[in-house]
């Protein structure tokens, strides 16, 4: 148990350290701009590039695992959509953001560092694939649903915008470059490799601290009724759906299966709030969901780590 505490504490400790600093030190939110830029455009892309480029190419070509990830995420997203439409009386814009609360795990900020620490370097490739699949899925689905509201941009313009965002996202570009490097067995010069390692090692601490600060700057006003079902879906049901998906499309190596289960158990991504603010809908609710989801995940994610470490949870139902 002490080993489990030692594994989980640094990650949640950094989040709550950031939260404490954001709550106690009265600095404007604009102060996060360059740190956020560093994380999104420099550090995390370096992390994804390095872990994918150092993986044998034949391990990356795993369509069954990609299918398991997409089916798991899509199934959870459809349940979240139904919850959002029910509680929001058919408001498709608000339901679109509710999807991200109930199904979009924090696979960018928390995922890579936690899975690598818990499961080792072998978790790097499935973690990168999960991130890429979820990014493409949500950055496609949410704009499409927003376009269906009947106002704003046309569907054609929306498709162009989606393609641009998917193919120019720094995480996806880094993952693609990593795949090409693995395919051609490209190795960076030593000086460049050391710089990439510096950036890779900075990714998780900076991302977790920034997550805590950002959550602290979102005051908790009220808790809408739909957040309870959505957070239960995200923290408890999503891992169960992931297990069913693994069982349906598997078998997979234990580390790959454990990576998907652990990533599915993560709290709602900060992108839930980012998308809400972009479309000016469900903003306070998304902010509250990220805050409460992160708090509750201290218990649920630690519990998942315990189940995986003790090999209590099966990696296949068949």
C-alpha atoms as a PDB file:
ATOM      1  CA  UNK A   1       0.000   0.000   0.000  1.00  0.00           C
ATOM      2  CA  UNK A   2       2.883   2.356   0.719  1.00  0.00           C
ATOM      3  CA  UNK A   3       4.210   1.707  -2.798  1.00  0.00           C
ATOM      4  CA  UNK A   4       0.796   2.607  -4.212  1.00  0.00           C
ATOM      5  CA  UNK A   5       0.696   5.815  -2.184  1.00  0.00           C
ATOM      6  CA  UNK A   6       4.201   6.659  -3.353  1.00  0.00           C
ATOM      7  CA  UNK A   7       3.100   6.164  -6.955  1.00  0.00           C
ATOM      8  CA  UNK A   8      -0.115   8.191  -6.811  1.00  0.00           C
ATOM      9  CA  UNK A   9       0.957  10.993  -4.471  1.00  0.00           C
ATOM     10  CA  UNK A  10       3.414  12.790  -6.802  1.00  0.00           C
ATOM     11  CA  UNK A  11       0.751  13.132  -9.503  1.00  0.00           C
ATOM     12  CA  UNK A  12      -2.122  14.276  -7.337  1.00  0.00           C
ATOM     13  CA  UNK A  13       0.324  16.182  -5.150  1.00  0.00           C
ATOM     14  CA  UNK A  14       1.385  18.294  -8.140  1.00  0.00           C
ATOM     15  CA  UNK A  15      -2.259  18.928  -9.059  1.00  0.00           C
ATOM     16  CA  UNK A  16      -3.157  20.060  -5.548  1.00  0.00           C
ATOM     17  CA  UNK A  17       0.043  22.075  -5.246  1.00  0.00           C
ATOM     18  CA  UNK A  18      -1.006  23.913  -8.399  1.00  0.00           C
ATOM     19  CA  UNK A  19      -4.522  24.269  -6.993  1.00  0.00           C
ATOM     20  CA  UNK A  20      -3.182  25.722  -3.729  1.00  0.00           C
ATOM     21  CA  UNK A  21      -0.953  28.182  -5.578  1.00  0.00           C
ATOM     22  CA  UNK A  22      -3.794  29.209  -7.881  1.00  0.00           C
ATOM     23  CA  UNK A  23      -6.106  29.730  -4.899  1.00  0.00           C
ATOM     24  CA  UNK A  24      -3.583  31.466  -2.650  1.00  0.00           C
ATOM     25  CA  UNK A  25      -1.521  33.559  -5.072  1.00  0.00           C
ATOM     26  CA  UNK A  26      -3.651  36.140  -6.809  1.00  0.00           C
ATOM     27  CA  UNK A  27      -2.134  36.204 -10.274  1.00  0.00           C
ATOM     28  CA  UNK A  28      -4.181  36.766 -13.433  1.00  0.00           C
ATOM     29  CA  UNK A  29      -5.083  33.787 -15.575  1.00  0.00           C
ATOM     30  CA  UNK A  30      -3.146  35.329 -18.454  1.00  0.00           C
ATOM     31  CA  UNK A  31       0.008  34.388 -16.569  1.00  0.00           C
ATOM     32  CA  UNK A  32      -0.577  30.762 -17.601  1.00  0.00           C
ATOM     33  CA  UNK A  33      -0.430  31.558 -21.304  1.00  0.00           C
ATOM     34  CA  UNK A  34       3.242  30.849 -21.968  1.00  0.00           C
ATOM     35  CA  UNK A  35       3.351  27.840 -19.646  1.00  0.00           C
ATOM     36  CA  UNK A  36       0.308  26.387 -21.392  1.00  0.00           C
ATOM     37  CA  UNK A  37       1.948  27.062 -24.759  1.00  0.00           C
ATOM     38  CA  UNK A  38       5.116  25.283 -23.591  1.00  0.00           C
ATOM     39  CA  UNK A  39       3.121  22.262 -22.433  1.00  0.00           C
ATOM     40  CA  UNK A  40       0.870  21.915 -25.475  1.00  0.00           C
ATOM     41  CA  UNK A  41       3.252  22.909 -28.265  1.00  0.00           C
ATOM     42  CA  UNK A  42       6.664  21.860 -26.935  1.00  0.00           C
ATOM     43  CA  UNK A  43       6.862  19.514 -23.928  1.00  0.00           C
ATOM     44  CA  UNK A  44       3.999  17.062 -24.508  1.00  0.00           C
ATOM     45  CA  UNK A  45       4.693  16.767 -28.265  1.00  0.00           C
ATOM     46  CA  UNK A  46       8.310  15.951 -27.394  1.00  0.00           C
ATOM     47  CA  UNK A  47       7.061  13.292 -24.975  1.00  0.00           C
ATOM     48  CA  UNK A  48       4.758  11.679 -27.529  1.00  0.00           C
ATOM     49  CA  UNK A  49       7.381  11.829 -30.271  1.00  0.00           C
ATOM     50  CA  UNK A  50      10.060  10.209 -28.132  1.00  0.00           C
ATOM     51  CA  UNK A  51       7.916   7.394 -26.781  1.00  0.00           C
ATOM     52  CA  UNK A  52       6.508   6.526 -30.207  1.00  0.00           C
ATOM     53  CA  UNK A  53       9.776   6.927 -32.131  1.00  0.00           C
ATOM     54  CA  UNK A  54      11.543   4.574 -29.727  1.00  0.00           C
ATOM     55  CA  UNK A  55       8.907   1.868 -30.212  1.00  0.00           C
ATOM     56  CA  UNK A  56       9.353  -0.851 -32.864  1.00  0.00           C
ATOM     57  CA  UNK A  57       7.095  -0.028 -35.792  1.00  0.00           C
ATOM     58  CA  UNK A  58       5.340  -3.406 -35.777  1.00  0.00           C
ATOM     59  CA  UNK A  59       3.986  -2.621 -32.295  1.00  0.00           C
ATOM     60  CA  UNK A  60       2.342   0.581 -33.558  1.00  0.00           C
ATOM     61  CA  UNK A  61       0.388  -1.199 -36.299  1.00  0.00           C
ATOM     62  CA  UNK A  62      -2.289  -2.619 -33.995  1.00  0.00           C
ATOM     63  CA  UNK A  63      -5.716  -2.044 -35.584  1.00  0.00           C
ATOM     64  CA  UNK A  64      -7.512  -4.270 -33.056  1.00  0.00           C
ATOM     65  CA  UNK A  65      -6.311  -2.114 -30.165  1.00  0.00           C
ATOM     66  CA  UNK A  66      -7.240   1.094 -31.992  1.00  0.00           C
ATOM     67  CA  UNK A  67     -10.703  -0.370 -32.606  1.00  0.00           C
ATOM     68  CA  UNK A  68     -11.028  -1.283 -28.924  1.00  0.00           C
ATOM     69  CA  UNK A  69     -10.137   2.288 -27.928  1.00  0.00           C
ATOM     70  CA  UNK A  70     -12.553   3.895 -30.395  1.00  0.00           C
ATOM     71  CA  UNK A  71     -15.449   1.591 -29.495  1.00  0.00           C
ATOM     72  CA  UNK A  72     -14.856   2.141 -25.781  1.00  0.00           C
ATOM     73  CA  UNK A  73     -14.756   5.927 -26.110  1.00  0.00           C
ATOM     74  CA  UNK A  74     -17.652   6.120 -28.591  1.00  0.00           C
ATOM     75  CA  UNK A  75     -19.915   3.921 -26.458  1.00  0.00           C
ATOM     76  CA  UNK A  76     -19.272   6.029 -23.367  1.00  0.00           C
ATOM     77  CA  UNK A  77     -19.768   9.215 -25.401  1.00  0.00           C
ATOM     78  CA  UNK A  78     -23.165   8.073 -26.657  1.00  0.00           C
ATOM     79  CA  UNK A  79     -24.325   7.394 -23.091  1.00  0.00           C
ATOM     80  CA  UNK A  80     -23.039  10.848 -22.068  1.00  0.00           C
ATOM     81  CA  UNK A  81     -24.907  12.399 -25.007  1.00  0.00           C
ATOM     82  CA  UNK A  82     -28.136  10.729 -23.883  1.00  0.00           C
ATOM     83  CA  UNK A  83     -27.621  12.037 -20.326  1.00  0.00           C
ATOM     84  CA  UNK A  84     -26.909  15.532 -21.596  1.00  0.00           C
ATOM     85  CA  UNK A  85     -29.945  15.607 -23.893  1.00  0.00           C
ATOM     86  CA  UNK A  86     -32.202  14.311 -21.111  1.00  0.00           C
ATOM     87  CA  UNK A  87     -31.132  16.800 -18.469  1.00  0.00           C
ATOM     88  CA  UNK A  88     -30.813  19.712 -20.896  1.00  0.00           C
ATOM     89  CA  UNK A  89     -34.165  19.034 -22.554  1.00  0.00           C
ATOM     90  CA  UNK A  90     -32.749  18.374 -26.004  1.00  0.00           C
ATOM     91  CA  UNK A  91     -30.255  21.275 -26.121  1.00  0.00           C
ATOM     92  CA  UNK A  92     -27.680  19.734 -28.425  1.00  0.00           C
ATOM     93  CA  UNK A  93     -25.003  22.377 -27.776  1.00  0.00           C
ATOM     94  CA  UNK A  94     -25.016  21.811 -24.031  1.00  0.00           C
ATOM     95  CA  UNK A  95     -25.215  18.043 -24.555  1.00  0.00           C
ATOM     96  CA  UNK A  96     -22.139  18.187 -26.800  1.00  0.00           C
ATOM     97  CA  UNK A  97     -20.061  19.586 -23.938  1.00  0.00           C
ATOM     98  CA  UNK A  98     -21.667  17.083 -21.558  1.00  0.00           C
ATOM     99  CA  UNK A  99     -20.160  14.376 -23.771  1.00  0.00           C
ATOM    100  CA  UNK A 100     -16.662  15.622 -23.004  1.00  0.00           C
ATOM    101  CA  UNK A 101     -17.426  15.594 -19.269  1.00  0.00           C
ATOM    102  CA  UNK A 102     -18.677  12.020 -19.339  1.00  0.00           C
ATOM    103  CA  UNK A 103     -16.294  10.438 -21.834  1.00  0.00           C
ATOM    104  CA  UNK A 104     -13.187  12.573 -22.552  1.00  0.00           C
ATOM    105  CA  UNK A 105     -10.533  11.378 -20.103  1.00  0.00           C
ATOM    106  CA  UNK A 106      -7.550  13.531 -19.146  1.00  0.00           C
ATOM    107  CA  UNK A 107      -5.295  11.562 -21.489  1.00  0.00           C
ATOM    108  CA  UNK A 108      -3.072  14.557 -22.277  1.00  0.00           C
ATOM    109  CA  UNK A 109      -2.076  16.099 -18.958  1.00  0.00           C
ATOM    110  CA  UNK A 110      -2.365  13.123 -16.605  1.00  0.00           C
ATOM    111  CA  UNK A 111      -2.271  10.109 -18.884  1.00  0.00           C
ATOM    112  CA  UNK A 112       1.326   9.870 -20.128  1.00  0.00           C
ATOM    113  CA  UNK A 113       3.095  10.536 -16.835  1.00  0.00           C
ATOM    114  CA  UNK A 114       0.820   8.327 -14.757  1.00  0.00           C
ATOM    115  CA  UNK A 115       0.813   5.337 -17.100  1.00  0.00           C
ATOM    116  CA  UNK A 116       4.582   5.415 -17.612  1.00  0.00           C
ATOM    117  CA  UNK A 117       5.209   5.640 -13.866  1.00  0.00           C
ATOM    118  CA  UNK A 118       2.721   2.905 -13.045  1.00  0.00           C
ATOM    119  CA  UNK A 119       3.283   0.487 -15.916  1.00  0.00           C
ATOM    120  CA  UNK A 120       6.745   1.313 -17.265  1.00  0.00           C
ATOM    121  CA  UNK A 121       8.069   2.302 -20.673  1.00  0.00           C
ATOM    122  CA  UNK A 122       6.006  -0.437 -22.340  1.00  0.00           C
ATOM    123  CA  UNK A 123       2.899   1.697 -21.728  1.00  0.00           C
ATOM    124  CA  UNK A 124       4.234   4.505 -23.922  1.00  0.00           C
ATOM    125  CA  UNK A 125       2.900   3.268 -27.256  1.00  0.00           C
ATOM    126  CA  UNK A 126      -0.660   2.410 -26.158  1.00  0.00           C
ATOM    127  CA  UNK A 127      -0.830   5.707 -24.242  1.00  0.00           C
ATOM    128  CA  UNK A 128       0.107   7.659 -27.388  1.00  0.00           C
ATOM    129  CA  UNK A 129      -2.393   5.725 -29.511  1.00  0.00           C
ATOM    130  CA  UNK A 130      -5.176   6.300 -26.977  1.00  0.00           C
ATOM    131  CA  UNK A 131      -4.451  10.011 -26.937  1.00  0.00           C
ATOM    132  CA  UNK A 132      -4.432  10.262 -30.730  1.00  0.00           C
ATOM    133  CA  UNK A 133      -7.702   8.303 -31.068  1.00  0.00           C
ATOM    134  CA  UNK A 134      -9.506  10.326 -28.393  1.00  0.00           C
ATOM    135  CA  UNK A 135      -8.267  13.644 -29.794  1.00  0.00           C
ATOM    136  CA  UNK A 136      -9.475  12.866 -33.304  1.00  0.00           C
ATOM    137  CA  UNK A 137     -12.794  11.554 -31.980  1.00  0.00           C
ATOM    138  CA  UNK A 138     -13.734  14.492 -29.759  1.00  0.00           C
ATOM    139  CA  UNK A 139     -12.324  17.234 -31.962  1.00  0.00           C
ATOM    140  CA  UNK A 140     -14.513  15.783 -34.728  1.00  0.00           C
ATOM    141  CA  UNK A 141     -17.692  14.979 -32.805  1.00  0.00           C
ATOM    142  CA  UNK A 142     -18.099  18.180 -30.778  1.00  0.00           C
ATOM    143  CA  UNK A 143     -17.782  20.636 -33.717  1.00  0.00           C
ATOM    144  CA  UNK A 144     -20.189  18.485 -35.751  1.00  0.00           C
ATOM    145  CA  UNK A 145     -22.788  18.558 -32.982  1.00  0.00           C
ATOM    146  CA  UNK A 146     -22.308  22.299 -32.581  1.00  0.00           C
ATOM    147  CA  UNK A 147     -22.903  22.756 -36.310  1.00  0.00           C
ATOM    148  CA  UNK A 148     -26.166  20.808 -35.984  1.00  0.00           C
ATOM    149  CA  UNK A 149     -27.573  23.507 -33.688  1.00  0.00           C
ATOM    150  CA  UNK A 150     -28.759  25.297 -36.811  1.00  0.00           C
ATOM    151  CA  UNK A 151     -26.733  28.463 -36.356  1.00  0.00           C
ATOM    152  CA  UNK A 152     -23.158  29.470 -36.962  1.00  0.00           C
ATOM    153  CA  UNK A 153     -20.932  27.910 -39.611  1.00  0.00           C
ATOM    154  CA  UNK A 154     -22.134  25.542 -42.320  1.00  0.00           C
ATOM    155  CA  UNK A 155     -21.384  21.821 -42.188  1.00  0.00           C
ATOM    156  CA  UNK A 156     -18.915  22.185 -45.068  1.00  0.00           C
ATOM    157  CA  UNK A 157     -16.961  24.880 -43.262  1.00  0.00           C
ATOM    158  CA  UNK A 158     -17.126  22.769 -40.104  1.00  0.00           C
ATOM    159  CA  UNK A 159     -15.594  19.742 -41.850  1.00  0.00           C
ATOM    160  CA  UNK A 160     -12.737  21.882 -43.154  1.00  0.00           C
ATOM    161  CA  UNK A 161     -12.182  23.309 -39.672  1.00  0.00           C
ATOM    162  CA  UNK A 162     -12.233  19.817 -38.131  1.00  0.00           C
ATOM    163  CA  UNK A 163      -9.672  18.500 -40.619  1.00  0.00           C
ATOM    164  CA  UNK A 164      -7.446  21.496 -39.962  1.00  0.00           C
ATOM    165  CA  UNK A 165      -7.601  21.074 -36.198  1.00  0.00           C
ATOM    166  CA  UNK A 166      -7.029  17.314 -36.302  1.00  0.00           C
ATOM    167  CA  UNK A 167      -4.094  17.396 -38.703  1.00  0.00           C
ATOM    168  CA  UNK A 168      -2.427  20.474 -37.206  1.00  0.00           C
ATOM    169  CA  UNK A 169      -2.803  19.536 -33.546  1.00  0.00           C
ATOM    170  CA  UNK A 170       0.738  19.400 -32.116  1.00  0.00           C
ATOM    171  CA  UNK A 171       0.084  16.102 -30.293  1.00  0.00           C
ATOM    172  CA  UNK A 172      -1.119  14.401 -33.466  1.00  0.00           C
ATOM    173  CA  UNK A 173       1.758  15.842 -35.522  1.00  0.00           C
ATOM    174  CA  UNK A 174       4.266  14.621 -32.934  1.00  0.00           C
ATOM    175  CA  UNK A 175       2.695  11.155 -32.877  1.00  0.00           C
ATOM    176  CA  UNK A 176       2.753  10.952 -36.684  1.00  0.00           C
ATOM    177  CA  UNK A 177       6.413  12.035 -36.794  1.00  0.00           C
ATOM    178  CA  UNK A 178       7.162   9.419 -34.163  1.00  0.00           C
ATOM    179  CA  UNK A 179       5.488   6.746 -36.284  1.00  0.00           C
ATOM    180  CA  UNK A 180       7.554   7.803 -39.317  1.00  0.00           C
ATOM    181  CA  UNK A 181      10.738   7.793 -37.224  1.00  0.00           C
ATOM    182  CA  UNK A 182       9.926   4.286 -35.993  1.00  0.00           C
ATOM    183  CA  UNK A 183       9.108   3.084 -39.510  1.00  0.00           C
ATOM    184  CA  UNK A 184      12.431   4.345 -40.934  1.00  0.00           C
ATOM    185  CA  UNK A 185      14.370   3.591 -37.729  1.00  0.00           C
ATOM    186  CA  UNK A 186      15.475   7.212 -37.548  1.00  0.00           C
ATOM    187  CA  UNK A 187      17.668   8.184 -34.605  1.00  0.00           C
ATOM    188  CA  UNK A 188      18.247  11.791 -33.641  1.00  0.00           C
ATOM    189  CA  UNK A 189      21.771  13.187 -33.134  1.00  0.00           C
ATOM    190  CA  UNK A 190      22.857  12.945 -29.490  1.00  0.00           C
ATOM    191  CA  UNK A 191      22.508  16.671 -28.818  1.00  0.00           C
ATOM    192  CA  UNK A 192      18.955  16.776 -30.177  1.00  0.00           C
ATOM    193  CA  UNK A 193      18.056  13.577 -28.351  1.00  0.00           C
ATOM    194  CA  UNK A 194      19.193  15.080 -25.033  1.00  0.00           C
ATOM    195  CA  UNK A 195      17.135  18.218 -25.622  1.00  0.00           C
ATOM    196  CA  UNK A 196      14.069  16.106 -26.434  1.00  0.00           C
ATOM    197  CA  UNK A 197      14.641  14.143 -23.229  1.00  0.00           C
ATOM    198  CA  UNK A 198      14.760  17.392 -21.231  1.00  0.00           C
ATOM    199  CA  UNK A 199      11.460  18.451 -22.765  1.00  0.00           C
ATOM    200  CA  UNK A 200       9.913  15.015 -22.281  1.00  0.00           C
ATOM    201  CA  UNK A 201      10.818  14.974 -18.594  1.00  0.00           C
ATOM    202  CA  UNK A 202       9.297  18.425 -18.083  1.00  0.00           C
ATOM    203  CA  UNK A 203       5.957  17.535 -19.680  1.00  0.00           C
ATOM    204  CA  UNK A 204       4.106  15.742 -16.878  1.00  0.00           C
ATOM    205  CA  UNK A 205       5.137  17.991 -13.924  1.00  0.00           C
ATOM    206  CA  UNK A 206       4.301  21.193 -15.803  1.00  0.00           C
ATOM    207  CA  UNK A 207       1.025  19.798 -17.135  1.00  0.00           C
ATOM    208  CA  UNK A 208      -0.189  18.571 -13.734  1.00  0.00           C
ATOM    209  CA  UNK A 209       0.748  21.797 -11.950  1.00  0.00           C
ATOM    210  CA  UNK A 210      -0.971  23.862 -14.649  1.00  0.00           C
ATOM    211  CA  UNK A 211      -4.057  21.675 -14.390  1.00  0.00           C
ATOM    212  CA  UNK A 212      -4.262  22.428 -10.660  1.00  0.00           C
ATOM    213  CA  UNK A 213      -3.840  26.172 -11.164  1.00  0.00           C
ATOM    214  CA  UNK A 214      -6.424  26.267 -13.942  1.00  0.00           C
ATOM    215  CA  UNK A 215      -8.994  24.390 -11.863  1.00  0.00           C
ATOM    216  CA  UNK A 216      -8.368  26.758  -8.922  1.00  0.00           C
ATOM    217  CA  UNK A 217      -9.155  29.747 -11.115  1.00  0.00           C
ATOM    218  CA  UNK A 218     -12.614  28.331 -11.884  1.00  0.00           C
ATOM    219  CA  UNK A 219     -14.792  29.157  -8.846  1.00  0.00           C
ATOM    220  CA  UNK A 220     -17.229  26.462  -7.745  1.00  0.00           C
ATOM    221  CA  UNK A 221     -20.679  28.061  -7.930  1.00  0.00           C
ATOM    222  CA  UNK A 222     -23.300  25.348  -8.186  1.00  0.00           C
ATOM    223  CA  UNK A 223     -23.426  21.659  -9.025  1.00  0.00           C
ATOM    224  CA  UNK A 224     -25.980  20.882 -11.770  1.00  0.00           C
ATOM    225  CA  UNK A 225     -27.939  17.647 -11.399  1.00  0.00           C
ATOM    226  CA  UNK A 226     -26.466  16.052 -14.520  1.00  0.00           C
ATOM    227  CA  UNK A 227     -22.886  16.223 -13.218  1.00  0.00           C
ATOM    228  CA  UNK A 228     -23.489  13.336 -10.827  1.00  0.00           C
ATOM    229  CA  UNK A 229     -24.433  10.818 -13.557  1.00  0.00           C
ATOM    230  CA  UNK A 230     -21.789  12.201 -15.908  1.00  0.00           C
ATOM    231  CA  UNK A 231     -18.972  11.840 -13.359  1.00  0.00           C
ATOM    232  CA  UNK A 232     -20.131   8.342 -12.396  1.00  0.00           C
ATOM    233  CA  UNK A 233     -20.064   7.517 -16.113  1.00  0.00           C
ATOM    234  CA  UNK A 234     -16.569   8.939 -16.550  1.00  0.00           C
ATOM    235  CA  UNK A 235     -14.883   7.568 -13.435  1.00  0.00           C
ATOM    236  CA  UNK A 236     -16.627   4.211 -12.984  1.00  0.00           C
ATOM    237  CA  UNK A 237     -18.560   3.175 -16.088  1.00  0.00           C
ATOM    238  CA  UNK A 238     -15.964   4.156 -18.689  1.00  0.00           C
ATOM    239  CA  UNK A 239     -13.351   1.696 -17.291  1.00  0.00           C
ATOM    240  CA  UNK A 240     -16.006  -1.049 -17.307  1.00  0.00           C
ATOM    241  CA  UNK A 241     -16.843  -0.278 -20.935  1.00  0.00           C
ATOM    242  CA  UNK A 242     -13.116  -0.321 -21.738  1.00  0.00           C
ATOM    243  CA  UNK A 243     -12.822  -3.767 -20.151  1.00  0.00           C
ATOM    244  CA  UNK A 244     -15.722  -5.048 -22.260  1.00  0.00           C
ATOM    245  CA  UNK A 245     -14.128  -3.567 -25.387  1.00  0.00           C
ATOM    246  CA  UNK A 246     -10.782  -5.181 -24.570  1.00  0.00           C
ATOM    247  CA  UNK A 247     -12.541  -8.510 -24.118  1.00  0.00           C
ATOM    248  CA  UNK A 248     -14.389  -8.144 -27.424  1.00  0.00           C
ATOM    249  CA  UNK A 249     -11.384  -7.234 -29.592  1.00  0.00           C
ATOM    250  CA  UNK A 250      -8.537  -8.835 -27.624  1.00  0.00           C
ATOM    251  CA  UNK A 251      -6.545 -10.518 -26.354  1.00  0.00           C
ATOM    252  CA  UNK A 252      -3.862  -7.877 -25.836  1.00  0.00           C
ATOM    253  CA  UNK A 253      -0.639  -7.852 -23.903  1.00  0.00           C
ATOM    254  CA  UNK A 254      -1.205  -7.125 -20.189  1.00  0.00           C
ATOM    255  CA  UNK A 255       0.509  -3.718 -20.323  1.00  0.00           C
ATOM    256  CA  UNK A 256      -1.609  -2.542 -23.265  1.00  0.00           C
ATOM    257  CA  UNK A 257      -4.834  -3.666 -21.591  1.00  0.00           C
ATOM    258  CA  UNK A 258      -3.828  -2.083 -18.272  1.00  0.00           C
ATOM    259  CA  UNK A 259      -2.972   1.176 -20.044  1.00  0.00           C
ATOM    260  CA  UNK A 260      -6.440   1.431 -21.581  1.00  0.00           C
ATOM    261  CA  UNK A 261      -8.140   0.639 -18.255  1.00  0.00           C
ATOM    262  CA  UNK A 262      -6.046   3.195 -16.384  1.00  0.00           C
ATOM    263  CA  UNK A 263      -6.532   5.900 -19.016  1.00  0.00           C
ATOM    264  CA  UNK A 264     -10.296   5.248 -19.050  1.00  0.00           C
ATOM    265  CA  UNK A 265     -10.417   5.789 -15.281  1.00  0.00           C
ATOM    266  CA  UNK A 266      -8.932   9.297 -15.500  1.00  0.00           C
ATOM    267  CA  UNK A 267     -11.124  12.331 -14.676  1.00  0.00           C
ATOM    268  CA  UNK A 268     -12.636  14.662 -17.298  1.00  0.00           C
ATOM    269  CA  UNK A 269     -10.065  16.406 -19.462  1.00  0.00           C
ATOM    270  CA  UNK A 270      -9.404  20.117 -19.142  1.00  0.00           C
ATOM    271  CA  UNK A 271     -10.460  20.294 -22.795  1.00  0.00           C
ATOM    272  CA  UNK A 272     -14.056  19.964 -21.583  1.00  0.00           C
ATOM    273  CA  UNK A 273     -13.753  23.493 -20.225  1.00  0.00           C
ATOM    274  CA  UNK A 274     -11.717  24.683 -23.230  1.00  0.00           C
ATOM    275  CA  UNK A 275     -14.415  23.537 -25.664  1.00  0.00           C
ATOM    276  CA  UNK A 276     -17.186  24.947 -23.473  1.00  0.00           C
ATOM    277  CA  UNK A 277     -15.508  28.346 -23.436  1.00  0.00           C
ATOM    278  CA  UNK A 278     -14.875  28.209 -27.173  1.00  0.00           C
ATOM    279  CA  UNK A 279     -18.580  27.705 -27.918  1.00  0.00           C
ATOM    280  CA  UNK A 280     -19.845  29.825 -24.983  1.00  0.00           C
ATOM    281  CA  UNK A 281     -22.069  27.048 -23.660  1.00  0.00           C
ATOM    282  CA  UNK A 282     -22.077  24.860 -20.517  1.00  0.00           C
ATOM    283  CA  UNK A 283     -19.039  26.813 -19.255  1.00  0.00           C
ATOM    284  CA  UNK A 284     -19.678  26.860 -15.493  1.00  0.00           C
ATOM    285  CA  UNK A 285     -20.864  23.261 -15.566  1.00  0.00           C
ATOM    286  CA  UNK A 286     -17.736  22.078 -17.398  1.00  0.00           C
ATOM    287  CA  UNK A 287     -15.489  23.979 -14.992  1.00  0.00           C
ATOM    288  CA  UNK A 288     -17.231  22.432 -11.992  1.00  0.00           C
ATOM    289  CA  UNK A 289     -17.032  18.977 -13.578  1.00  0.00           C
ATOM    290  CA  UNK A 290     -13.256  19.234 -14.087  1.00  0.00           C
ATOM    291  CA  UNK A 291     -12.782  20.362 -10.481  1.00  0.00           C
ATOM    292  CA  UNK A 292     -15.015  17.699  -8.893  1.00  0.00           C
ATOM    293  CA  UNK A 293     -13.855  14.975 -11.274  1.00  0.00           C
ATOM    294  CA  UNK A 294     -10.224  15.644 -10.397  1.00  0.00           C
ATOM    295  CA  UNK A 295     -11.048  15.556  -6.674  1.00  0.00           C
ATOM    296  CA  UNK A 296     -13.004  12.302  -6.883  1.00  0.00           C
ATOM    297  CA  UNK A 297     -10.361  10.707  -9.095  1.00  0.00           C
ATOM    298  CA  UNK A 298      -7.964  10.717  -6.149  1.00  0.00           C
ATOM    299  CA  UNK A 299     -10.037   7.783  -4.889  1.00  0.00           C
ATOM    300  CA  UNK A 300     -11.062   6.159  -8.164  1.00  0.00           C
ATOM    301  CA  UNK A 301      -7.712   6.347  -9.962  1.00  0.00           C
ATOM    302  CA  UNK A 302      -5.843   5.188  -6.869  1.00  0.00           C
ATOM    303  CA  UNK A 303      -8.336   2.339  -6.626  1.00  0.00           C
ATOM    304  CA  UNK A 304      -7.716   1.386 -10.260  1.00  0.00           C
ATOM    305  CA  UNK A 305      -3.959   1.450  -9.655  1.00  0.00           C
ATOM    306  CA  UNK A 306      -4.449  -0.881  -6.696  1.00  0.00           C
ATOM    307  CA  UNK A 307      -6.610  -3.286  -8.707  1.00  0.00           C
ATOM    308  CA  UNK A 308      -4.064  -3.386 -11.512  1.00  0.00           C
ATOM    309  CA  UNK A 309      -1.016  -3.713  -9.263  1.00  0.00           C
ATOM    310  CA  UNK A 310      -2.601  -6.556  -7.279  1.00  0.00           C
ATOM    311  CA  UNK A 311      -3.963  -8.159 -10.476  1.00  0.00           C
ATOM    312  CA  UNK A 312      -7.460  -8.196  -8.990  1.00  0.00           C
ATOM    313  CA  UNK A 313      -9.232  -6.817 -12.041  1.00  0.00           C
ATOM    314  CA  UNK A 314      -9.369  -9.189 -15.048  1.00  0.00           C
ATOM    315  CA  UNK A 315      -7.902  -8.016 -18.316  1.00  0.00           C
ATOM    316  CA  UNK A 316     -10.524  -9.938 -20.291  1.00  0.00           C
ATOM    317  CA  UNK A 317     -14.038 -11.076 -19.461  1.00  0.00           C
ATOM    318  CA  UNK A 318     -13.727 -14.184 -21.656  1.00  0.00           C
END
